[in-house]
Protein backbone atom coordinates (compact mmCIF):
# COMPACT_ATOMS: atom_id res chain seq x y z
CA MET A 1 -59.46 -93.87 -45.71
CA SER A 2 -58.93 -91.23 -48.49
CA GLU A 3 -60.22 -91.19 -52.04
CA HIS A 4 -56.39 -90.74 -53.41
CA HIS A 5 -56.19 -93.45 -50.82
CA HIS A 6 -58.73 -96.02 -51.74
CA HIS A 7 -58.04 -94.55 -55.93
CA HIS A 8 -54.10 -96.42 -54.74
CA GLU A 9 -55.67 -99.31 -53.84
CA HIS A 10 -58.12 -99.90 -56.62
CA GLU A 11 -55.52 -99.75 -59.54
CA HIS A 12 -52.86 -101.36 -58.29
CA GLY A 13 -55.49 -104.45 -58.23
CA HIS A 14 -55.84 -104.24 -61.76
CA ARG A 15 -52.72 -103.98 -62.09
CA GLY A 16 -51.57 -107.61 -60.98
CA VAL A 17 -48.57 -109.61 -61.13
CA LEU A 18 -47.05 -108.42 -64.31
CA ARG A 19 -47.26 -105.04 -63.54
CA ASN A 20 -45.31 -105.87 -60.66
CA ILE A 21 -42.61 -107.51 -61.70
CA PHE A 22 -41.71 -105.42 -65.24
CA ALA A 23 -42.08 -101.38 -62.92
CA PRO A 24 -42.47 -102.82 -59.67
CA HIS A 25 -43.99 -100.65 -56.50
CA SER A 26 -41.53 -97.53 -57.00
CA HIS A 27 -43.51 -95.06 -54.09
CA ASP A 28 -40.67 -93.35 -52.36
CA ALA A 29 -42.02 -93.69 -48.76
CA PHE A 30 -42.49 -97.54 -48.69
CA ASP A 31 -42.32 -99.96 -45.03
CA SER A 32 -39.69 -97.44 -44.00
CA ILE A 33 -36.61 -97.76 -41.96
CA ASP A 34 -36.07 -93.90 -41.86
CA ASP A 35 -32.77 -93.68 -39.06
CA ALA A 36 -29.58 -93.17 -41.72
CA ALA A 37 -27.73 -95.72 -40.24
CA GLU A 38 -29.78 -97.86 -40.10
CA SER A 39 -30.43 -97.73 -43.88
CA SER A 40 -27.53 -98.05 -45.19
CA ALA A 41 -26.23 -100.96 -42.98
CA SER A 42 -29.37 -102.66 -44.57
CA GLY A 43 -28.17 -101.26 -47.59
CA ILE A 44 -24.95 -103.00 -47.30
CA ARG A 45 -26.14 -105.99 -45.58
CA ALA A 46 -28.69 -106.25 -48.98
CA VAL A 47 -25.29 -106.06 -50.86
CA LYS A 48 -23.35 -108.57 -49.49
CA ILE A 49 -26.12 -111.39 -48.60
CA SER A 50 -26.93 -110.50 -52.99
CA LEU A 51 -23.05 -111.34 -53.42
CA VAL A 52 -22.69 -114.17 -51.76
CA THR A 53 -26.21 -115.90 -53.42
CA LEU A 54 -25.57 -114.50 -56.56
CA SER A 55 -21.69 -116.24 -56.67
CA VAL A 56 -22.65 -119.32 -55.46
CA THR A 57 -25.66 -119.60 -58.44
CA ALA A 58 -23.32 -118.46 -60.88
CA ALA A 59 -20.57 -121.02 -59.77
CA PHE A 60 -23.01 -124.00 -59.42
CA GLN A 61 -24.16 -123.42 -63.13
CA LEU A 62 -20.01 -122.83 -64.18
CA VAL A 63 -20.06 -126.50 -62.71
CA ILE A 64 -22.67 -128.26 -64.71
CA LEU A 65 -20.86 -126.35 -67.85
CA VAL A 66 -17.86 -127.87 -67.56
CA ILE A 67 -19.65 -131.54 -66.88
CA SER A 68 -22.31 -130.96 -69.64
CA GLY A 69 -19.99 -129.20 -72.68
CA SER A 70 -23.11 -127.12 -73.12
CA ILE A 71 -22.49 -123.88 -74.80
CA ALA A 72 -26.22 -122.53 -74.05
CA LEU A 73 -25.43 -122.11 -70.58
CA ALA A 74 -22.26 -119.94 -71.13
CA ALA A 75 -23.85 -116.61 -72.07
CA ASP A 76 -26.21 -117.15 -69.03
CA THR A 77 -23.37 -118.10 -66.93
CA ILE A 78 -21.50 -114.61 -68.24
CA HIS A 79 -24.17 -112.63 -66.95
CA ASN A 80 -24.74 -114.15 -63.55
CA PHE A 81 -21.40 -113.34 -63.13
CA SER A 82 -21.83 -110.03 -63.97
CA ASP A 83 -24.74 -109.57 -61.69
CA ALA A 84 -23.04 -110.76 -58.86
CA LEU A 85 -19.88 -107.96 -59.61
CA THR A 86 -22.34 -105.02 -59.83
CA ALA A 87 -22.99 -105.04 -56.19
CA ILE A 88 -19.29 -104.46 -55.97
CA PRO A 89 -20.19 -100.17 -56.66
CA LEU A 90 -23.13 -100.44 -55.08
CA TRP A 91 -21.47 -101.71 -51.54
CA ILE A 92 -19.04 -98.58 -52.18
CA ALA A 93 -21.74 -96.12 -52.96
CA PHE A 94 -23.91 -97.18 -49.55
CA VAL A 95 -19.95 -97.37 -47.69
CA LEU A 96 -19.05 -93.58 -49.25
CA GLY A 97 -22.54 -92.41 -48.21
CA ARG A 98 -22.01 -92.97 -44.47
CA LYS A 99 -18.41 -90.26 -44.64
CA ALA A 100 -19.02 -87.31 -43.11
CA ALA A 101 -20.06 -84.43 -45.40
CA THR A 102 -16.47 -81.94 -46.14
CA LYS A 103 -16.13 -78.52 -47.22
CA ARG A 104 -15.77 -79.69 -50.65
CA TYR A 105 -19.21 -82.71 -50.82
CA THR A 106 -21.62 -80.34 -48.17
CA TYR A 107 -23.65 -82.30 -48.62
CA GLY A 108 -22.50 -85.39 -47.55
CA TYR A 109 -21.85 -88.48 -50.34
CA GLY A 110 -24.90 -89.39 -50.60
CA ARG A 111 -24.73 -89.00 -54.90
CA ALA A 112 -22.69 -91.65 -55.81
CA GLU A 113 -25.36 -93.91 -55.34
CA ASP A 114 -27.08 -92.17 -58.88
CA VAL A 115 -23.10 -92.71 -60.47
CA ALA A 116 -24.04 -96.64 -59.14
CA GLY A 117 -27.61 -96.53 -60.29
CA LEU A 118 -26.07 -95.57 -63.55
CA PHE A 119 -23.58 -98.18 -63.71
CA VAL A 120 -26.60 -100.86 -62.80
CA VAL A 121 -28.90 -98.93 -65.69
CA LEU A 122 -25.54 -99.66 -68.55
CA MET A 123 -25.44 -102.67 -66.86
CA ILE A 124 -29.15 -103.75 -68.05
CA ALA A 125 -28.50 -102.36 -70.99
CA LEU A 126 -26.00 -104.92 -72.01
CA SER A 127 -27.81 -107.53 -70.92
CA ALA A 128 -30.65 -106.82 -73.65
CA VAL A 129 -28.54 -105.94 -76.60
CA VAL A 130 -26.27 -109.36 -75.32
CA ALA A 131 -29.94 -111.45 -75.23
CA GLY A 132 -31.02 -109.87 -78.53
CA TYR A 133 -27.73 -110.17 -80.54
CA GLU A 134 -27.91 -113.93 -79.21
CA ALA A 135 -31.38 -114.47 -80.28
CA ILE A 136 -30.91 -113.36 -83.76
CA ARG A 137 -27.92 -114.92 -84.24
CA ARG A 138 -29.28 -118.26 -83.61
CA LEU A 139 -32.44 -117.95 -85.52
CA ILE A 140 -29.76 -116.87 -88.24
CA HIS A 141 -27.40 -119.63 -87.62
CA PRO A 142 -29.38 -122.03 -85.28
CA VAL A 143 -27.13 -123.78 -82.70
CA ALA A 144 -27.55 -127.65 -80.93
CA ILE A 145 -28.22 -127.89 -77.67
CA ASP A 146 -26.68 -130.58 -76.08
CA HIS A 147 -27.06 -132.10 -72.24
CA LEU A 148 -30.65 -130.41 -71.90
CA GLY A 149 -31.22 -132.55 -68.73
CA TRP A 150 -28.17 -130.64 -67.69
CA VAL A 151 -28.83 -127.94 -69.33
CA ILE A 152 -32.53 -127.11 -67.93
CA ALA A 153 -31.43 -127.51 -64.79
CA ALA A 154 -29.11 -124.74 -64.57
CA GLY A 155 -30.88 -122.85 -66.11
CA VAL A 156 -33.71 -123.21 -63.00
CA VAL A 157 -30.93 -122.77 -60.30
CA GLY A 158 -29.89 -119.88 -62.12
CA PHE A 159 -33.54 -118.24 -62.67
CA LEU A 160 -34.46 -118.99 -58.64
CA GLY A 161 -31.58 -117.69 -57.82
CA ASN A 162 -31.58 -114.33 -59.54
CA GLU A 163 -35.34 -114.12 -58.80
CA LEU A 164 -34.67 -114.59 -54.58
CA VAL A 165 -32.27 -111.91 -55.20
CA ALA A 166 -33.95 -109.39 -57.00
CA VAL A 167 -37.23 -109.85 -54.76
CA TYR A 168 -34.93 -109.02 -52.05
CA ARG A 169 -32.72 -106.17 -53.45
CA ILE A 170 -36.37 -104.39 -54.43
CA ARG A 171 -37.90 -105.10 -50.55
CA VAL A 172 -35.06 -103.42 -48.75
CA GLY A 173 -33.78 -100.57 -51.77
CA HIS A 174 -37.60 -99.61 -51.19
CA GLN A 175 -37.15 -99.67 -47.42
CA ILE A 176 -34.54 -97.44 -47.48
CA GLY A 177 -35.64 -94.75 -50.56
CA SER A 178 -32.60 -96.38 -52.60
CA ALA A 179 -33.25 -96.14 -56.29
CA ALA A 180 -30.08 -97.68 -57.45
CA LEU A 181 -30.82 -100.73 -55.11
CA VAL A 182 -33.95 -101.71 -57.18
CA ALA A 183 -32.05 -100.45 -60.09
CA ASP A 184 -29.57 -103.01 -58.80
CA GLY A 185 -32.61 -105.66 -58.12
CA LEU A 186 -33.95 -105.21 -61.72
CA HIS A 187 -30.78 -106.50 -63.07
CA ALA A 188 -31.01 -109.56 -61.32
CA ARG A 189 -34.79 -109.88 -62.71
CA THR A 190 -33.18 -110.01 -66.45
CA ASP A 191 -30.62 -112.37 -65.38
CA GLY A 192 -33.29 -114.44 -64.30
CA PHE A 193 -34.82 -113.88 -67.45
CA THR A 194 -31.95 -115.04 -69.40
CA SER A 195 -31.87 -117.96 -67.47
CA LEU A 196 -35.59 -118.74 -68.00
CA ALA A 197 -35.10 -118.43 -71.86
CA VAL A 198 -32.08 -121.09 -71.19
CA VAL A 199 -34.85 -123.13 -69.66
CA PHE A 200 -38.02 -122.56 -72.07
CA GLY A 201 -35.66 -122.83 -75.02
CA ALA A 202 -34.45 -126.64 -74.22
CA ILE A 203 -37.81 -127.77 -73.36
CA GLY A 204 -38.59 -126.39 -76.74
CA VAL A 205 -36.04 -128.32 -78.27
CA GLY A 206 -36.20 -131.82 -76.44
CA LEU A 207 -39.71 -131.50 -78.20
CA GLY A 208 -38.51 -131.37 -81.14
CA PHE A 209 -38.52 -127.29 -82.20
CA PRO A 210 -34.91 -126.49 -82.33
CA LEU A 211 -35.99 -122.46 -82.77
CA ALA A 212 -37.61 -122.21 -79.72
CA ASP A 213 -34.51 -120.94 -78.01
CA PRO A 214 -33.62 -118.21 -80.30
CA ILE A 215 -37.44 -117.69 -80.31
CA VAL A 216 -37.80 -117.35 -76.21
CA GLY A 217 -34.57 -115.18 -76.84
CA LEU A 218 -36.10 -112.29 -78.35
CA ILE A 219 -39.16 -112.75 -76.08
CA ILE A 220 -37.19 -112.02 -73.26
CA THR A 221 -35.15 -109.29 -74.66
CA VAL A 222 -38.25 -107.49 -75.05
CA ALA A 223 -39.12 -108.05 -71.23
CA ILE A 224 -35.60 -107.23 -70.35
CA ALA A 225 -36.42 -103.83 -72.50
CA ALA A 226 -39.58 -103.09 -69.89
CA VAL A 227 -37.17 -103.72 -67.03
CA LEU A 228 -34.99 -101.43 -68.37
CA ARG A 229 -37.24 -98.62 -68.92
CA THR A 230 -38.52 -99.06 -64.94
CA ALA A 231 -34.79 -98.40 -64.29
CA VAL A 232 -34.37 -95.73 -65.96
CA ARG A 233 -36.83 -94.01 -65.43
CA ASP A 234 -36.36 -94.33 -61.20
CA VAL A 235 -32.57 -93.40 -61.65
CA PHE A 236 -32.57 -90.70 -63.81
CA ARG A 237 -36.18 -88.68 -61.62
CA ARG A 238 -33.10 -89.40 -59.01
CA LEU A 239 -30.61 -87.71 -60.47
CA LEU A 240 -32.94 -84.53 -61.95
CA ASP A 241 -33.74 -84.55 -58.13
CA GLY A 242 -37.40 -86.50 -58.79
CA VAL A 243 -39.07 -87.29 -55.74
CA ASP A 244 -43.01 -89.15 -54.87
CA PRO A 245 -45.58 -85.99 -54.99
CA ALA A 246 -47.02 -87.29 -52.80
CA LEU A 247 -44.20 -86.19 -50.13
CA VAL A 248 -44.67 -83.02 -50.61
CA ASP A 249 -48.33 -82.81 -50.83
CA THR A 250 -47.62 -84.53 -46.89
CA ALA A 251 -44.95 -82.05 -46.47
CA GLU A 252 -46.98 -79.22 -47.21
CA THR A 253 -49.98 -80.69 -45.22
CA THR A 254 -47.60 -80.51 -42.25
CA LEU A 255 -46.16 -77.12 -42.75
CA ALA A 256 -49.79 -75.46 -43.04
CA ARG A 257 -51.22 -77.18 -39.68
CA GLU A 258 -48.52 -76.10 -37.43
CA PRO A 259 -48.60 -73.57 -34.48
CA GLY A 260 -48.30 -70.02 -35.98
CA VAL A 261 -47.80 -70.76 -39.46
CA VAL A 262 -49.70 -68.05 -41.96
CA GLY A 263 -49.21 -69.74 -44.57
CA VAL A 264 -47.02 -72.69 -46.39
CA ARG A 265 -44.81 -70.19 -49.93
CA SER A 266 -42.98 -73.48 -51.55
CA VAL A 267 -41.52 -76.95 -50.59
CA ARG A 268 -38.66 -78.61 -52.53
CA MET A 269 -36.89 -81.53 -51.84
CA ARG A 270 -34.28 -83.77 -53.14
CA TRP A 271 -33.23 -87.26 -52.28
CA ILE A 272 -29.15 -87.00 -51.46
CA GLY A 273 -28.11 -90.49 -51.94
CA HIS A 274 -31.24 -92.68 -49.88
CA ARG A 275 -32.67 -89.52 -47.80
CA LEU A 276 -34.15 -86.61 -48.53
CA HIS A 277 -33.49 -82.88 -48.17
CA ALA A 278 -36.20 -80.55 -47.52
CA ASP A 279 -35.86 -76.29 -47.86
CA ALA A 280 -39.62 -74.64 -47.37
CA GLU A 281 -40.58 -70.99 -47.01
CA LEU A 282 -43.37 -70.26 -44.85
CA ASP A 283 -45.52 -67.20 -43.70
CA VAL A 284 -46.03 -66.78 -40.34
CA ALA A 285 -47.74 -63.39 -38.33
CA PRO A 286 -45.73 -60.33 -39.25
CA GLU A 287 -46.24 -58.71 -35.58
CA ILE A 288 -44.49 -61.82 -34.13
CA SER A 289 -40.54 -61.45 -32.83
CA LEU A 290 -38.17 -62.75 -34.65
CA GLN A 291 -36.97 -64.84 -31.59
CA ASP A 292 -41.19 -66.43 -32.23
CA ALA A 293 -40.49 -66.31 -35.79
CA HIS A 294 -36.98 -69.01 -35.33
CA GLY A 295 -38.96 -70.36 -32.75
CA VAL A 296 -42.04 -71.36 -35.22
CA ALA A 297 -39.83 -72.74 -37.90
CA HIS A 298 -37.61 -75.06 -35.61
CA ALA A 299 -41.16 -76.17 -34.59
CA ALA A 300 -42.13 -77.09 -38.30
CA GLU A 301 -38.77 -78.31 -39.17
CA HIS A 302 -39.17 -81.40 -36.39
CA ALA A 303 -42.74 -81.15 -36.94
CA LEU A 304 -41.50 -82.08 -40.91
CA ILE A 305 -38.69 -84.66 -40.17
CA HIS A 306 -40.65 -87.04 -38.12
CA ALA A 307 -44.30 -86.72 -40.94
CA VAL A 308 -42.10 -87.42 -43.64
CA PRO A 309 -40.21 -90.97 -44.36
CA LYS A 310 -36.31 -90.87 -45.02
CA LEU A 311 -36.51 -86.88 -44.24
CA SER A 312 -32.93 -86.07 -42.95
CA THR A 313 -32.55 -82.87 -43.17
CA ALA A 314 -34.96 -79.38 -43.46
CA LEU A 315 -34.17 -76.07 -43.90
CA ILE A 316 -36.72 -73.57 -43.21
CA HIS A 317 -37.38 -70.27 -43.34
CA ALA A 318 -40.39 -68.07 -42.08
CA TYR A 319 -40.88 -64.67 -43.46
CA PRO A 320 -43.72 -61.89 -42.13
CA ALA A 321 -46.90 -62.50 -44.05
CA THR A 322 -47.35 -59.05 -45.46
CA ASP A 323 -43.67 -59.77 -47.24
CA LEU A 324 -43.88 -60.69 -50.71
CA ALA A 325 -40.71 -63.06 -51.84
CA PRO A 326 -39.59 -61.51 -55.13
CA HIS A 327 -38.01 -64.77 -55.98
CA ARG A 328 -40.96 -67.13 -55.21
CA GLY A 329 -41.11 -70.25 -56.14
CA PRO A 330 -43.37 -73.26 -57.22
CA SER A 331 -44.42 -75.24 -54.31
CA SER A 332 -43.66 -78.37 -56.44
CA TYR A 333 -42.67 -79.95 -59.42
CA THR A 334 -43.91 -83.09 -60.98
CA LEU A 335 -41.45 -85.47 -63.88
């Protein structure tokens, strides 16, 4: 086991469960689904299942809301309906991503996922604003909570439904390499927190502490802000072509081991939706023929695609080892 891997496991052992809730494991390579068609199908399936689950959860809460007449459930029910609707732009993005490239969109439509990811981030930010506003308003103007049993039941249902969807979306998002789907899972988690606030607030009121509801609401607002930070980080890294440096290290090591490769000048990678694209510049022995150099580049491309998870395309340039590229760039970037 390498020193890096050992340090990685040791570090995660100390972060614990809370760290994984607010900033789930976000390595770009995780339990990979590397086939492009299969990964798109998995993303669409995750969106469909989560849409149905959250719609059923919100509908159940709406029924309880009508029966109980409780105002405390209204915002939570609206949150859950809005979270279900965020699956729609993601669904559209996954469908668009399967379309073939055109002369205008030469890399295809994978970037539609990043646009959907921005929408999800805005929805998480809106959830934080609404939760904070409601908590402050109830501190200044306390609102009575009636039908506590119904309120608690609906809150528990909302939390369980959202958390199940969150875990599922985040897991599939990591498997297929979709930052937007992971962000949408985090959005479901924020709405689960809101439902949890309803539960704890109602319990506090039932125990004779009426300010429990807004106080818990403020705590939940802070939790949503922590989730928002993680979602913003992941989505904007994709927008700025950020990749896990470990993937670049893997690519450099793989290319350097290839027969005929004298050195690796540069490796660049970028995400296009949930698929990776790589550009690499290699040094080869100056005495070999152009045909042999092409063979080295082709073999290197084949090895790279097999070594790096979710890498679908690679453009390899081979140069004679004595030819110094005038615009040589760095081999990797860290954001």
